[in-house]
Amino acid sequence: MSTTAIFVELLVIGIQTALWVMLVVATFQPEVIHPPELSKWEGLITAGAFAVCYSLGILVDRIADLIFVAARPKDVIDSAQWIKRWRNRISNEKIDTSALALAFKEGKASEYLDYFRSRIRITRALSVNALLATVALIIFLTIRCDSINLWLVIPIVCLLGGGISVFAFFAVGGLDLANNAQKDEVKRLLQKDNPVEKAQNPGHQADG
């Protein structure tokens, strides 16, 4: 994956993170959000915001990696029959590999798989950030919004934020399974494209 693609990926994750971080800041230090004479420092603030978002992206990407290594949504999908039936419709068994086959013919299979892994990382971070944003918003509403009906609003926030987090969690599992299928397809295409390897491994072909 190119350096630019990695930078953009971490920046997207960092922007997701910055949304709930700003909520936390607005809850406890609201004056920081609108400092006086802000217009004089717009260029410096913009550059600083990009640097902060990039740094947050690195941090949350690493945290999400640790969480998903432990949680393994792919295993959760495999253990639940109804989820597995849903997964079978959209991933391994019926995955469309035509785009991958085209990329392989053009010598861009590696870039295609990198793009797929990028989607996994962004979705993985979304699952974590949606959950943290939900908590941050609940705290903000509880402390700063006394005039609204919290008994009505907080359940809606939990439903939306938690729903996005859970959906993204299972989406990561589905993307992982689809990514594995894509890798298997690359191996098949490589074997098909390499007659020398096939001739050296006749037993493997017979097993297939």
N, C-alpha and C. Protein backbone atom coordinates (compact mmCIF):
# COMPACT_ATOMS: atom_id res chain seq x y z
N MET A 1 0.84 -1.19 0.00
CA MET A 1 0.00 0.00 0.00
C MET A 1 0.88 1.24 0.00
N SER A 2 0.50 2.25 -0.78
CA SER A 2 1.32 3.45 -0.87
C SER A 2 1.24 4.26 0.42
N THR A 3 2.28 5.11 0.60
CA THR A 3 2.32 5.95 1.80
C THR A 3 1.14 6.89 1.85
N THR A 4 0.73 7.43 0.69
CA THR A 4 -0.42 8.34 0.63
C THR A 4 -1.70 7.65 1.06
N ALA A 5 -1.90 6.41 0.59
CA ALA A 5 -3.10 5.66 0.95
C ALA A 5 -3.16 5.40 2.46
N ILE A 6 -2.02 5.05 3.04
CA ILE A 6 -1.97 4.80 4.49
C ILE A 6 -2.26 6.09 5.25
N PHE A 7 -1.71 7.21 4.78
CA PHE A 7 -1.96 8.50 5.44
C PHE A 7 -3.44 8.85 5.41
N VAL A 8 -4.07 8.70 4.25
CA VAL A 8 -5.49 9.01 4.12
C VAL A 8 -6.33 8.10 5.01
N GLU A 9 -5.98 6.82 5.04
CA GLU A 9 -6.70 5.85 5.86
C GLU A 9 -6.65 6.24 7.33
N LEU A 10 -5.46 6.55 7.84
CA LEU A 10 -5.31 6.94 9.25
C LEU A 10 -5.96 8.29 9.52
N LEU A 11 -5.96 9.17 8.52
CA LEU A 11 -6.61 10.47 8.69
C LEU A 11 -8.12 10.30 8.82
N VAL A 12 -8.71 9.42 8.02
CA VAL A 12 -10.15 9.15 8.12
C VAL A 12 -10.49 8.61 9.51
N ILE A 13 -9.69 7.66 9.99
CA ILE A 13 -9.91 7.11 11.32
C ILE A 13 -9.76 8.20 12.38
N GLY A 14 -8.75 9.06 12.19
CA GLY A 14 -8.52 10.14 13.14
C GLY A 14 -9.66 11.14 13.18
N ILE A 15 -10.26 11.43 12.03
CA ILE A 15 -11.40 12.35 11.98
C ILE A 15 -12.59 11.74 12.71
N GLN A 16 -12.81 10.43 12.50
CA GLN A 16 -13.86 9.75 13.27
C GLN A 16 -13.64 9.94 14.77
N THR A 17 -12.41 9.74 15.19
CA THR A 17 -12.07 9.84 16.62
C THR A 17 -12.23 11.27 17.13
N ALA A 18 -11.82 12.24 16.30
CA ALA A 18 -11.87 13.64 16.72
C ALA A 18 -13.29 14.10 17.02
N LEU A 19 -14.28 13.50 16.38
CA LEU A 19 -15.66 13.91 16.62
C LEU A 19 -16.07 13.68 18.06
N TRP A 20 -15.76 12.47 18.60
CA TRP A 20 -16.18 12.23 19.99
C TRP A 20 -15.21 12.87 20.99
N VAL A 21 -13.95 13.06 20.58
CA VAL A 21 -13.01 13.78 21.46
C VAL A 21 -13.48 15.22 21.65
N MET A 22 -13.95 15.84 20.57
CA MET A 22 -14.47 17.21 20.68
C MET A 22 -15.71 17.27 21.55
N LEU A 23 -16.52 16.20 21.51
CA LEU A 23 -17.68 16.14 22.39
C LEU A 23 -17.26 16.13 23.85
N VAL A 24 -16.23 15.36 24.15
CA VAL A 24 -15.73 15.30 25.52
C VAL A 24 -15.19 16.66 25.95
N VAL A 25 -14.44 17.31 25.06
CA VAL A 25 -13.90 18.64 25.36
C VAL A 25 -15.04 19.64 25.56
N ALA A 26 -16.04 19.58 24.69
CA ALA A 26 -17.17 20.51 24.79
C ALA A 26 -17.96 20.28 26.07
N THR A 27 -17.91 19.08 26.61
CA THR A 27 -18.63 18.77 27.84
C THR A 27 -17.96 19.41 29.05
N PHE A 28 -16.66 19.32 29.12
CA PHE A 28 -15.94 19.76 30.33
C PHE A 28 -15.22 21.09 30.17
N GLN A 29 -14.85 21.45 28.93
CA GLN A 29 -14.17 22.72 28.69
C GLN A 29 -14.74 23.38 27.44
N PRO A 30 -16.00 23.81 27.45
CA PRO A 30 -16.63 24.34 26.23
C PRO A 30 -15.96 25.59 25.68
N GLU A 31 -15.28 26.34 26.52
CA GLU A 31 -14.64 27.57 26.04
C GLU A 31 -13.47 27.27 25.10
N VAL A 32 -12.93 26.05 25.15
CA VAL A 32 -11.82 25.68 24.27
C VAL A 32 -12.29 25.56 22.82
N ILE A 33 -13.56 25.24 22.62
CA ILE A 33 -14.09 25.04 21.27
C ILE A 33 -14.15 26.33 20.49
N HIS A 34 -14.46 27.44 21.17
CA HIS A 34 -14.57 28.75 20.50
C HIS A 34 -13.66 29.76 21.19
N PRO A 35 -12.35 29.62 21.03
CA PRO A 35 -11.44 30.59 21.65
C PRO A 35 -11.53 31.93 20.95
N PRO A 36 -11.24 33.02 21.65
CA PRO A 36 -11.28 34.36 21.03
C PRO A 36 -10.19 34.53 19.98
N GLU A 37 -10.47 35.40 18.99
CA GLU A 37 -9.52 35.73 17.94
C GLU A 37 -9.00 34.49 17.21
N LEU A 38 -9.91 33.56 16.95
CA LEU A 38 -9.53 32.32 16.28
C LEU A 38 -9.10 32.55 14.84
N SER A 39 -9.70 33.56 14.18
CA SER A 39 -9.45 33.78 12.75
C SER A 39 -7.99 34.12 12.45
N LYS A 40 -7.27 34.66 13.42
CA LYS A 40 -5.87 35.02 13.20
C LYS A 40 -4.96 33.80 13.06
N TRP A 41 -5.43 32.67 13.52
CA TRP A 41 -4.58 31.47 13.57
C TRP A 41 -5.17 30.32 12.76
N GLU A 42 -5.99 30.64 11.76
CA GLU A 42 -6.69 29.59 11.02
C GLU A 42 -5.72 28.60 10.35
N GLY A 43 -4.67 29.11 9.71
CA GLY A 43 -3.72 28.23 9.02
C GLY A 43 -3.02 27.29 9.98
N LEU A 44 -2.54 27.83 11.09
CA LEU A 44 -1.84 27.01 12.08
C LEU A 44 -2.78 26.00 12.72
N ILE A 45 -3.99 26.43 13.01
CA ILE A 45 -4.97 25.54 13.63
C ILE A 45 -5.34 24.40 12.68
N THR A 46 -5.50 24.71 11.39
CA THR A 46 -5.82 23.68 10.40
C THR A 46 -4.71 22.63 10.32
N ALA A 47 -3.46 23.11 10.25
CA ALA A 47 -2.33 22.18 10.21
C ALA A 47 -2.26 21.35 11.48
N GLY A 48 -2.49 21.98 12.61
CA GLY A 48 -2.49 21.26 13.88
C GLY A 48 -3.61 20.24 13.96
N ALA A 49 -4.78 20.59 13.39
CA ALA A 49 -5.91 19.66 13.41
C ALA A 49 -5.61 18.41 12.60
N PHE A 50 -4.96 18.59 11.44
CA PHE A 50 -4.58 17.43 10.63
C PHE A 50 -3.58 16.55 11.38
N ALA A 51 -2.63 17.20 12.05
CA ALA A 51 -1.62 16.44 12.81
C ALA A 51 -2.27 15.67 13.95
N VAL A 52 -3.20 16.32 14.65
CA VAL A 52 -3.89 15.65 15.76
C VAL A 52 -4.74 14.49 15.25
N CYS A 53 -5.48 14.71 14.16
CA CYS A 53 -6.32 13.65 13.60
C CYS A 53 -5.48 12.46 13.14
N TYR A 54 -4.34 12.75 12.52
CA TYR A 54 -3.46 11.67 12.08
C TYR A 54 -2.94 10.87 13.28
N SER A 55 -2.55 11.58 14.33
CA SER A 55 -2.05 10.92 15.54
C SER A 55 -3.15 10.10 16.20
N LEU A 56 -4.34 10.65 16.27
CA LEU A 56 -5.47 9.91 16.83
C LEU A 56 -5.78 8.67 15.98
N GLY A 57 -5.64 8.82 14.67
CA GLY A 57 -5.88 7.68 13.77
C GLY A 57 -4.92 6.54 14.05
N ILE A 58 -3.65 6.86 14.25
CA ILE A 58 -2.66 5.82 14.57
C ILE A 58 -3.02 5.13 15.88
N LEU A 59 -3.37 5.92 16.89
CA LEU A 59 -3.68 5.37 18.21
C LEU A 59 -4.90 4.47 18.17
N VAL A 60 -5.99 4.96 17.58
CA VAL A 60 -7.23 4.19 17.56
C VAL A 60 -7.11 2.97 16.65
N ASP A 61 -6.37 3.10 15.55
CA ASP A 61 -6.15 1.94 14.68
C ASP A 61 -5.46 0.82 15.44
N ARG A 62 -4.49 1.18 16.27
CA ARG A 62 -3.79 0.16 17.07
C ARG A 62 -4.71 -0.44 18.13
N ILE A 63 -5.50 0.42 18.80
CA ILE A 63 -6.43 -0.08 19.81
C ILE A 63 -7.47 -1.01 19.18
N ALA A 64 -8.01 -0.59 18.03
CA ALA A 64 -8.99 -1.43 17.34
C ALA A 64 -8.39 -2.76 16.92
N ASP A 65 -7.13 -2.73 16.50
CA ASP A 65 -6.44 -3.96 16.12
C ASP A 65 -6.39 -4.93 17.30
N LEU A 66 -6.01 -4.43 18.47
CA LEU A 66 -5.93 -5.27 19.66
C LEU A 66 -7.30 -5.81 20.05
N ILE A 67 -8.32 -4.97 19.98
CA ILE A 67 -9.68 -5.39 20.34
C ILE A 67 -10.18 -6.48 19.41
N PHE A 68 -9.96 -6.29 18.11
CA PHE A 68 -10.51 -7.24 17.15
C PHE A 68 -9.69 -8.52 17.07
N VAL A 69 -8.43 -8.47 17.47
CA VAL A 69 -7.66 -9.71 17.58
C VAL A 69 -8.25 -10.57 18.70
N ALA A 70 -8.67 -9.91 19.79
CA ALA A 70 -9.26 -10.64 20.92
C ALA A 70 -10.70 -11.06 20.64
N ALA A 71 -11.48 -10.14 20.03
CA ALA A 71 -12.92 -10.41 19.82
C ALA A 71 -13.17 -11.33 18.63
N ARG A 72 -12.41 -11.18 17.55
CA ARG A 72 -12.49 -12.02 16.35
C ARG A 72 -13.94 -12.16 15.86
N PRO A 73 -14.48 -11.10 15.23
CA PRO A 73 -15.86 -11.17 14.73
C PRO A 73 -16.09 -12.29 13.73
N LYS A 74 -15.04 -12.69 13.00
CA LYS A 74 -15.16 -13.80 12.06
C LYS A 74 -15.56 -15.08 12.78
N ASP A 75 -14.99 -15.30 13.97
CA ASP A 75 -15.33 -16.49 14.75
C ASP A 75 -16.75 -16.39 15.30
N VAL A 76 -17.16 -15.17 15.66
CA VAL A 76 -18.53 -14.98 16.14
C VAL A 76 -19.53 -15.31 15.04
N ILE A 77 -19.22 -14.89 13.82
CA ILE A 77 -20.10 -15.19 12.69
C ILE A 77 -20.17 -16.69 12.45
N ASP A 78 -19.01 -17.36 12.52
CA ASP A 78 -18.98 -18.80 12.29
C ASP A 78 -19.73 -19.58 13.37
N SER A 79 -19.79 -19.02 14.59
CA SER A 79 -20.44 -19.75 15.69
C SER A 79 -21.95 -19.54 15.72
N ALA A 80 -22.44 -18.53 15.02
CA ALA A 80 -23.89 -18.24 15.01
C ALA A 80 -24.48 -18.68 13.68
N GLN A 81 -25.41 -19.63 13.73
CA GLN A 81 -25.94 -20.22 12.51
C GLN A 81 -26.68 -19.21 11.64
N TRP A 82 -27.50 -18.36 12.27
CA TRP A 82 -28.29 -17.41 11.47
C TRP A 82 -27.39 -16.37 10.81
N ILE A 83 -26.31 -15.98 11.51
CA ILE A 83 -25.37 -15.05 10.92
C ILE A 83 -24.60 -15.73 9.80
N LYS A 84 -24.29 -17.02 10.01
CA LYS A 84 -23.55 -17.76 9.00
C LYS A 84 -24.35 -17.88 7.71
N ARG A 85 -25.66 -18.10 7.84
CA ARG A 85 -26.51 -18.17 6.64
C ARG A 85 -26.52 -16.85 5.90
N TRP A 86 -26.59 -15.77 6.67
CA TRP A 86 -26.56 -14.44 6.06
C TRP A 86 -25.21 -14.19 5.40
N ARG A 87 -24.12 -14.60 6.08
CA ARG A 87 -22.78 -14.42 5.56
C ARG A 87 -22.57 -15.21 4.27
N ASN A 88 -23.13 -16.42 4.22
CA ASN A 88 -22.95 -17.25 3.04
C ASN A 88 -23.53 -16.61 1.79
N ARG A 89 -24.51 -15.76 1.98
CA ARG A 89 -25.14 -15.11 0.83
C ARG A 89 -24.27 -14.01 0.24
N ILE A 90 -23.38 -13.44 1.07
CA ILE A 90 -22.68 -12.25 0.61
C ILE A 90 -21.16 -12.38 0.59
N SER A 91 -20.62 -13.49 1.09
CA SER A 91 -19.16 -13.54 1.14
C SER A 91 -18.60 -14.77 0.47
N ASN A 92 -18.13 -15.74 1.25
CA ASN A 92 -17.30 -16.82 0.70
C ASN A 92 -17.90 -17.52 -0.51
N GLU A 93 -19.11 -18.10 -0.36
CA GLU A 93 -19.64 -18.96 -1.40
C GLU A 93 -20.05 -18.21 -2.66
N LYS A 94 -20.51 -16.97 -2.49
CA LYS A 94 -21.06 -16.27 -3.65
C LYS A 94 -20.34 -14.94 -3.91
N ILE A 95 -19.12 -14.86 -3.47
CA ILE A 95 -18.39 -13.61 -3.65
C ILE A 95 -18.07 -13.39 -5.13
N ASP A 96 -18.21 -12.17 -5.56
CA ASP A 96 -17.91 -11.82 -6.94
C ASP A 96 -16.42 -11.54 -7.05
N THR A 97 -15.71 -12.41 -7.74
CA THR A 97 -14.25 -12.26 -7.88
C THR A 97 -13.87 -11.68 -9.25
N SER A 98 -14.85 -11.20 -9.99
CA SER A 98 -14.55 -10.69 -11.33
C SER A 98 -13.64 -9.47 -11.27
N ALA A 99 -13.88 -8.58 -10.27
CA ALA A 99 -13.02 -7.40 -10.14
C ALA A 99 -11.59 -7.82 -9.80
N LEU A 100 -11.46 -8.82 -8.94
CA LEU A 100 -10.13 -9.31 -8.58
C LEU A 100 -9.45 -9.96 -9.80
N ALA A 101 -10.21 -10.74 -10.56
CA ALA A 101 -9.64 -11.40 -11.75
C ALA A 101 -9.15 -10.34 -12.74
N LEU A 102 -9.91 -9.26 -12.90
CA LEU A 102 -9.49 -8.18 -13.80
C LEU A 102 -8.23 -7.51 -13.27
N ALA A 103 -8.19 -7.26 -11.95
CA ALA A 103 -7.00 -6.64 -11.36
C ALA A 103 -5.79 -7.55 -11.51
N PHE A 104 -6.02 -8.86 -11.39
CA PHE A 104 -4.93 -9.83 -11.53
C PHE A 104 -4.36 -9.79 -12.95
N LYS A 105 -5.24 -9.72 -13.94
CA LYS A 105 -4.79 -9.67 -15.33
C LYS A 105 -3.98 -8.41 -15.61
N GLU A 106 -4.33 -7.33 -14.91
CA GLU A 106 -3.63 -6.06 -15.11
C GLU A 106 -2.41 -5.92 -14.20
N GLY A 107 -2.13 -6.99 -13.43
CA GLY A 107 -0.99 -6.94 -12.51
C GLY A 107 -1.20 -6.07 -11.31
N LYS A 108 -2.48 -5.87 -10.91
CA LYS A 108 -2.80 -4.98 -9.79
C LYS A 108 -3.53 -5.71 -8.67
N ALA A 109 -3.32 -7.02 -8.58
CA ALA A 109 -4.00 -7.79 -7.53
C ALA A 109 -3.58 -7.34 -6.14
N SER A 110 -2.31 -7.01 -5.98
CA SER A 110 -1.81 -6.57 -4.69
C SER A 110 -2.48 -5.27 -4.24
N GLU A 111 -2.62 -4.32 -5.19
CA GLU A 111 -3.29 -3.06 -4.87
C GLU A 111 -4.75 -3.29 -4.52
N TYR A 112 -5.40 -4.23 -5.22
CA TYR A 112 -6.81 -4.53 -4.94
C TYR A 112 -6.96 -5.08 -3.53
N LEU A 113 -6.09 -6.01 -3.13
CA LEU A 113 -6.16 -6.59 -1.80
C LEU A 113 -5.83 -5.56 -0.73
N ASP A 114 -4.91 -4.65 -1.04
CA ASP A 114 -4.59 -3.57 -0.10
C ASP A 114 -5.81 -2.68 0.12
N TYR A 115 -6.53 -2.39 -0.95
CA TYR A 115 -7.76 -1.60 -0.84
C TYR A 115 -8.78 -2.31 0.03
N PHE A 116 -8.88 -3.62 -0.12
CA PHE A 116 -9.82 -4.41 0.66
C PHE A 116 -9.44 -4.36 2.14
N ARG A 117 -8.15 -4.50 2.43
CA ARG A 117 -7.69 -4.45 3.83
C ARG A 117 -7.90 -3.06 4.41
N SER A 118 -7.79 -2.02 3.59
CA SER A 118 -8.05 -0.66 4.06
C SER A 118 -9.50 -0.50 4.51
N ARG A 119 -10.41 -1.09 3.74
CA ARG A 119 -11.83 -1.05 4.13
C ARG A 119 -12.04 -1.74 5.48
N ILE A 120 -11.34 -2.83 5.69
CA ILE A 120 -11.46 -3.56 6.96
C ILE A 120 -10.99 -2.69 8.12
N ARG A 121 -9.86 -2.02 7.95
CA ARG A 121 -9.31 -1.21 9.04
C ARG A 121 -10.20 -0.01 9.35
N ILE A 122 -10.75 0.64 8.33
CA ILE A 122 -11.62 1.79 8.57
C ILE A 122 -12.92 1.34 9.24
N THR A 123 -13.48 0.23 8.79
CA THR A 123 -14.71 -0.28 9.40
C THR A 123 -14.47 -0.73 10.83
N ARG A 124 -13.32 -1.32 11.07
CA ARG A 124 -12.94 -1.76 12.42
C ARG A 124 -12.87 -0.56 13.36
N ALA A 125 -12.24 0.51 12.90
CA ALA A 125 -12.15 1.73 13.71
C ALA A 125 -13.52 2.35 13.92
N LEU A 126 -14.39 2.28 12.90
CA LEU A 126 -15.74 2.82 13.02
C LEU A 126 -16.50 2.13 14.14
N SER A 127 -16.34 0.82 14.27
CA SER A 127 -17.02 0.08 15.32
C SER A 127 -16.62 0.59 16.70
N VAL A 128 -15.31 0.82 16.88
CA VAL A 128 -14.82 1.32 18.17
C VAL A 128 -15.24 2.77 18.39
N ASN A 129 -15.09 3.60 17.36
CA ASN A 129 -15.40 5.02 17.50
C ASN A 129 -16.89 5.26 17.71
N ALA A 130 -17.73 4.48 17.06
CA ALA A 130 -19.18 4.64 17.23
C ALA A 130 -19.58 4.37 18.67
N LEU A 131 -18.97 3.35 19.28
CA LEU A 131 -19.27 3.04 20.68
C LEU A 131 -18.79 4.15 21.61
N LEU A 132 -17.58 4.63 21.38
CA LEU A 132 -17.05 5.71 22.22
C LEU A 132 -17.80 7.02 22.00
N ALA A 133 -18.20 7.28 20.76
CA ALA A 133 -18.99 8.48 20.48
C ALA A 133 -20.34 8.43 21.18
N THR A 134 -20.93 7.25 21.25
CA THR A 134 -22.21 7.09 21.95
C THR A 134 -22.05 7.43 23.42
N VAL A 135 -21.01 6.93 24.06
CA VAL A 135 -20.75 7.23 25.47
C VAL A 135 -20.50 8.73 25.65
N ALA A 136 -19.68 9.31 24.76
CA ALA A 136 -19.37 10.74 24.87
C ALA A 136 -20.61 11.61 24.70
N LEU A 137 -21.48 11.22 23.78
CA LEU A 137 -22.71 12.00 23.55
C LEU A 137 -23.66 11.89 24.73
N ILE A 138 -23.75 10.73 25.34
CA ILE A 138 -24.60 10.56 26.51
C ILE A 138 -24.10 11.45 27.65
N ILE A 139 -22.79 11.46 27.85
CA ILE A 139 -22.22 12.31 28.90
C ILE A 139 -22.49 13.78 28.60
N PHE A 140 -22.32 14.19 27.34
CA PHE A 140 -22.57 15.57 26.94
C PHE A 140 -24.02 15.97 27.19
N LEU A 141 -24.94 15.12 26.77
CA LEU A 141 -26.36 15.41 26.95
C LEU A 141 -26.74 15.48 28.42
N THR A 142 -26.17 14.60 29.21
CA THR A 142 -26.49 14.57 30.64
C THR A 142 -26.01 15.82 31.36
N ILE A 143 -24.83 16.31 30.99
CA ILE A 143 -24.24 17.45 31.69
C ILE A 143 -24.67 18.79 31.10
N ARG A 144 -24.78 18.87 29.78
CA ARG A 144 -24.98 20.16 29.13
C ARG A 144 -26.39 20.42 28.61
N CYS A 145 -27.23 19.44 28.58
CA CYS A 145 -28.56 19.61 27.97
C CYS A 145 -29.66 19.23 28.97
N ASP A 146 -29.84 20.09 29.94
CA ASP A 146 -30.85 19.82 30.97
C ASP A 146 -32.28 20.00 30.45
N SER A 147 -32.43 20.77 29.37
CA SER A 147 -33.78 21.12 28.91
C SER A 147 -34.45 20.03 28.08
N ILE A 148 -33.72 19.02 27.66
CA ILE A 148 -34.32 17.98 26.83
C ILE A 148 -34.74 16.79 27.68
N ASN A 149 -35.59 15.96 27.11
CA ASN A 149 -36.07 14.77 27.80
C ASN A 149 -35.04 13.64 27.63
N LEU A 150 -34.17 13.51 28.62
CA LEU A 150 -33.09 12.52 28.53
C LEU A 150 -33.62 11.09 28.48
N TRP A 151 -34.76 10.84 29.12
CA TRP A 151 -35.32 9.48 29.12
C TRP A 151 -35.75 9.06 27.72
N LEU A 152 -36.01 10.04 26.87
CA LEU A 152 -36.38 9.73 25.49
C LEU A 152 -35.16 9.75 24.57
N VAL A 153 -34.29 10.74 24.76
CA VAL A 153 -33.17 10.94 23.83
C VAL A 153 -32.07 9.90 24.02
N ILE A 154 -31.71 9.58 25.27
CA ILE A 154 -30.60 8.66 25.52
C ILE A 154 -30.85 7.27 24.94
N PRO A 155 -32.04 6.68 25.08
CA PRO A 155 -32.27 5.38 24.43
C PRO A 155 -32.11 5.44 22.90
N ILE A 156 -32.53 6.57 22.30
CA ILE A 156 -32.38 6.72 20.85
C ILE A 156 -30.90 6.78 20.48
N VAL A 157 -30.12 7.53 21.27
CA VAL A 157 -28.68 7.63 21.03
C VAL A 157 -28.03 6.26 21.17
N CYS A 158 -28.41 5.52 22.21
CA CYS A 158 -27.85 4.18 22.42
C CYS A 158 -28.20 3.24 21.26
N LEU A 159 -29.44 3.36 20.80
CA LEU A 159 -29.89 2.49 19.70
C LEU A 159 -29.13 2.79 18.42
N LEU A 160 -28.98 4.08 18.11
CA LEU A 160 -28.28 4.45 16.87
C LEU A 160 -26.78 4.17 16.96
N GLY A 161 -26.14 4.69 18.01
CA GLY A 161 -24.70 4.52 18.15
C GLY A 161 -24.30 3.06 18.35
N GLY A 162 -25.05 2.37 19.23
CA GLY A 162 -24.77 0.95 19.45
C GLY A 162 -25.04 0.13 18.21
N GLY A 163 -26.10 0.49 17.48
CA GLY A 163 -26.42 -0.23 16.25
C GLY A 163 -25.33 -0.10 15.21
N ILE A 164 -24.80 1.13 15.06
CA ILE A 164 -23.71 1.34 14.10
C ILE A 164 -22.48 0.54 14.51
N SER A 165 -22.18 0.56 15.81
CA SER A 165 -21.01 -0.17 16.31
C SER A 165 -21.13 -1.67 16.08
N VAL A 166 -22.30 -2.22 16.40
CA VAL A 166 -22.51 -3.67 16.23
C VAL A 166 -22.50 -4.04 14.75
N PHE A 167 -23.17 -3.22 13.93
CA PHE A 167 -23.20 -3.51 12.49
C PHE A 167 -21.78 -3.48 11.91
N ALA A 168 -20.99 -2.48 12.32
CA ALA A 168 -19.62 -2.39 11.82
C ALA A 168 -18.79 -3.58 12.30
N PHE A 169 -19.05 -4.04 13.54
CA PHE A 169 -18.34 -5.21 14.08
C PHE A 169 -18.55 -6.43 13.19
N PHE A 170 -19.82 -6.72 12.87
CA PHE A 170 -20.10 -7.88 12.03
C PHE A 170 -19.67 -7.64 10.58
N ALA A 171 -19.70 -6.37 10.15
CA ALA A 171 -19.22 -6.07 8.80
C ALA A 171 -17.74 -6.39 8.67
N VAL A 172 -16.97 -6.15 9.74
CA VAL A 172 -15.55 -6.50 9.73
C VAL A 172 -15.38 -8.01 9.57
N GLY A 173 -16.22 -8.78 10.28
CA GLY A 173 -16.16 -10.23 10.13
C GLY A 173 -16.47 -10.67 8.71
N GLY A 174 -17.50 -10.07 8.12
CA GLY A 174 -17.83 -10.40 6.74
C GLY A 174 -16.73 -10.01 5.77
N LEU A 175 -16.13 -8.85 6.00
CA LEU A 175 -15.04 -8.41 5.13
C LEU A 175 -13.82 -9.31 5.29
N ASP A 176 -13.57 -9.75 6.52
CA ASP A 176 -12.45 -10.68 6.75
C ASP A 176 -12.64 -11.98 5.97
N LEU A 177 -13.86 -12.51 6.03
CA LEU A 177 -14.16 -13.75 5.31
C LEU A 177 -14.05 -13.54 3.81
N ALA A 178 -14.56 -12.41 3.34
CA ALA A 178 -14.46 -12.11 1.91
C ALA A 178 -13.00 -11.91 1.50
N ASN A 179 -12.21 -11.30 2.39
CA ASN A 179 -10.79 -11.10 2.09
C ASN A 179 -10.07 -12.43 1.98
N ASN A 180 -10.42 -13.38 2.85
CA ASN A 180 -9.83 -14.71 2.76
C ASN A 180 -10.20 -15.39 1.44
N ALA A 181 -11.45 -15.19 1.02
CA ALA A 181 -11.88 -15.76 -0.26
C ALA A 181 -11.12 -15.12 -1.42
N GLN A 182 -10.87 -13.83 -1.31
CA GLN A 182 -10.09 -13.14 -2.35
C GLN A 182 -8.66 -13.69 -2.41
N LYS A 183 -8.07 -13.93 -1.25
CA LYS A 183 -6.71 -14.49 -1.22
C LYS A 183 -6.69 -15.88 -1.85
N ASP A 184 -7.71 -16.70 -1.54
CA ASP A 184 -7.79 -18.04 -2.15
C ASP A 184 -7.91 -17.95 -3.67
N GLU A 185 -8.66 -16.95 -4.12
CA GLU A 185 -8.83 -16.76 -5.56
C GLU A 185 -7.51 -16.35 -6.21
N VAL A 186 -6.73 -15.51 -5.52
CA VAL A 186 -5.42 -15.13 -6.04
C VAL A 186 -4.51 -16.35 -6.17
N LYS A 187 -4.52 -17.20 -5.15
CA LYS A 187 -3.71 -18.43 -5.20
C LYS A 187 -4.13 -19.30 -6.38
N ARG A 188 -5.46 -19.39 -6.60
CA ARG A 188 -5.95 -20.19 -7.71
C ARG A 188 -5.51 -19.60 -9.05
N LEU A 189 -5.59 -18.28 -9.16
CA LEU A 189 -5.18 -17.62 -10.40
C LEU A 189 -3.68 -17.75 -10.63
N LEU A 190 -2.90 -17.68 -9.54
CA LEU A 190 -1.46 -17.84 -9.67
C LEU A 190 -1.10 -19.24 -10.13
N GLN A 191 -1.79 -20.23 -9.58
CA GLN A 191 -1.53 -21.61 -9.99
C GLN A 191 -1.94 -21.83 -11.44
N LYS A 192 -3.05 -21.25 -11.82
CA LYS A 192 -3.53 -21.37 -13.19
C LYS A 192 -2.57 -20.69 -14.16
N ASP A 193 -1.95 -19.60 -13.68
CA ASP A 193 -1.07 -18.82 -14.55
C ASP A 193 0.36 -19.34 -14.54
N ASN A 194 0.65 -20.37 -13.71
CA ASN A 194 2.01 -20.89 -13.58
C ASN A 194 2.03 -22.38 -13.87
N PRO A 195 2.10 -22.79 -15.14
CA PRO A 195 2.07 -24.21 -15.49
C PRO A 195 3.26 -24.99 -14.93
N VAL A 196 4.39 -24.32 -14.70
CA VAL A 196 5.56 -25.00 -14.14
C VAL A 196 5.25 -25.51 -12.75
N GLU A 197 4.62 -24.65 -11.96
CA GLU A 197 4.26 -25.04 -10.59
C GLU A 197 3.27 -26.18 -10.59
N LYS A 198 2.32 -26.16 -11.53
CA LYS A 198 1.32 -27.24 -11.61
C LYS A 198 2.00 -28.55 -12.00
N ALA A 199 2.98 -28.48 -12.89
CA ALA A 199 3.67 -29.70 -13.32
C ALA A 199 4.51 -30.28 -12.18
N GLN A 200 5.01 -29.40 -11.30
CA GLN A 200 5.83 -29.86 -10.19
C GLN A 200 4.99 -30.39 -9.03
N ASN A 201 3.69 -30.09 -9.03
CA ASN A 201 2.81 -30.52 -7.94
C ASN A 201 1.61 -31.27 -8.49
N PRO A 202 1.81 -32.39 -9.18
CA PRO A 202 0.67 -33.12 -9.75
C PRO A 202 -0.23 -33.70 -8.67
N GLY A 203 0.36 -34.05 -7.53
CA GLY A 203 -0.46 -34.62 -6.45
C GLY A 203 -1.47 -33.64 -5.92
N HIS A 204 -1.04 -32.35 -5.86
CA HIS A 204 -1.95 -31.30 -5.39
C HIS A 204 -3.14 -31.15 -6.32
N GLN A 205 -2.87 -31.24 -7.64
CA GLN A 205 -3.95 -31.13 -8.61
C GLN A 205 -4.92 -32.31 -8.47
N ALA A 206 -4.34 -33.52 -8.26
CA ALA A 206 -5.20 -34.70 -8.14
C ALA A 206 -6.10 -34.58 -6.92
N ASP A 207 -5.54 -33.99 -5.81
CA ASP A 207 -6.37 -33.82 -4.61
C ASP A 207 -7.50 -32.87 -4.87
N GLY A 208 -7.25 -31.84 -5.72
CA GLY A 208 -8.30 -30.87 -6.02
C GLY A 208 -9.35 -31.47 -6.88
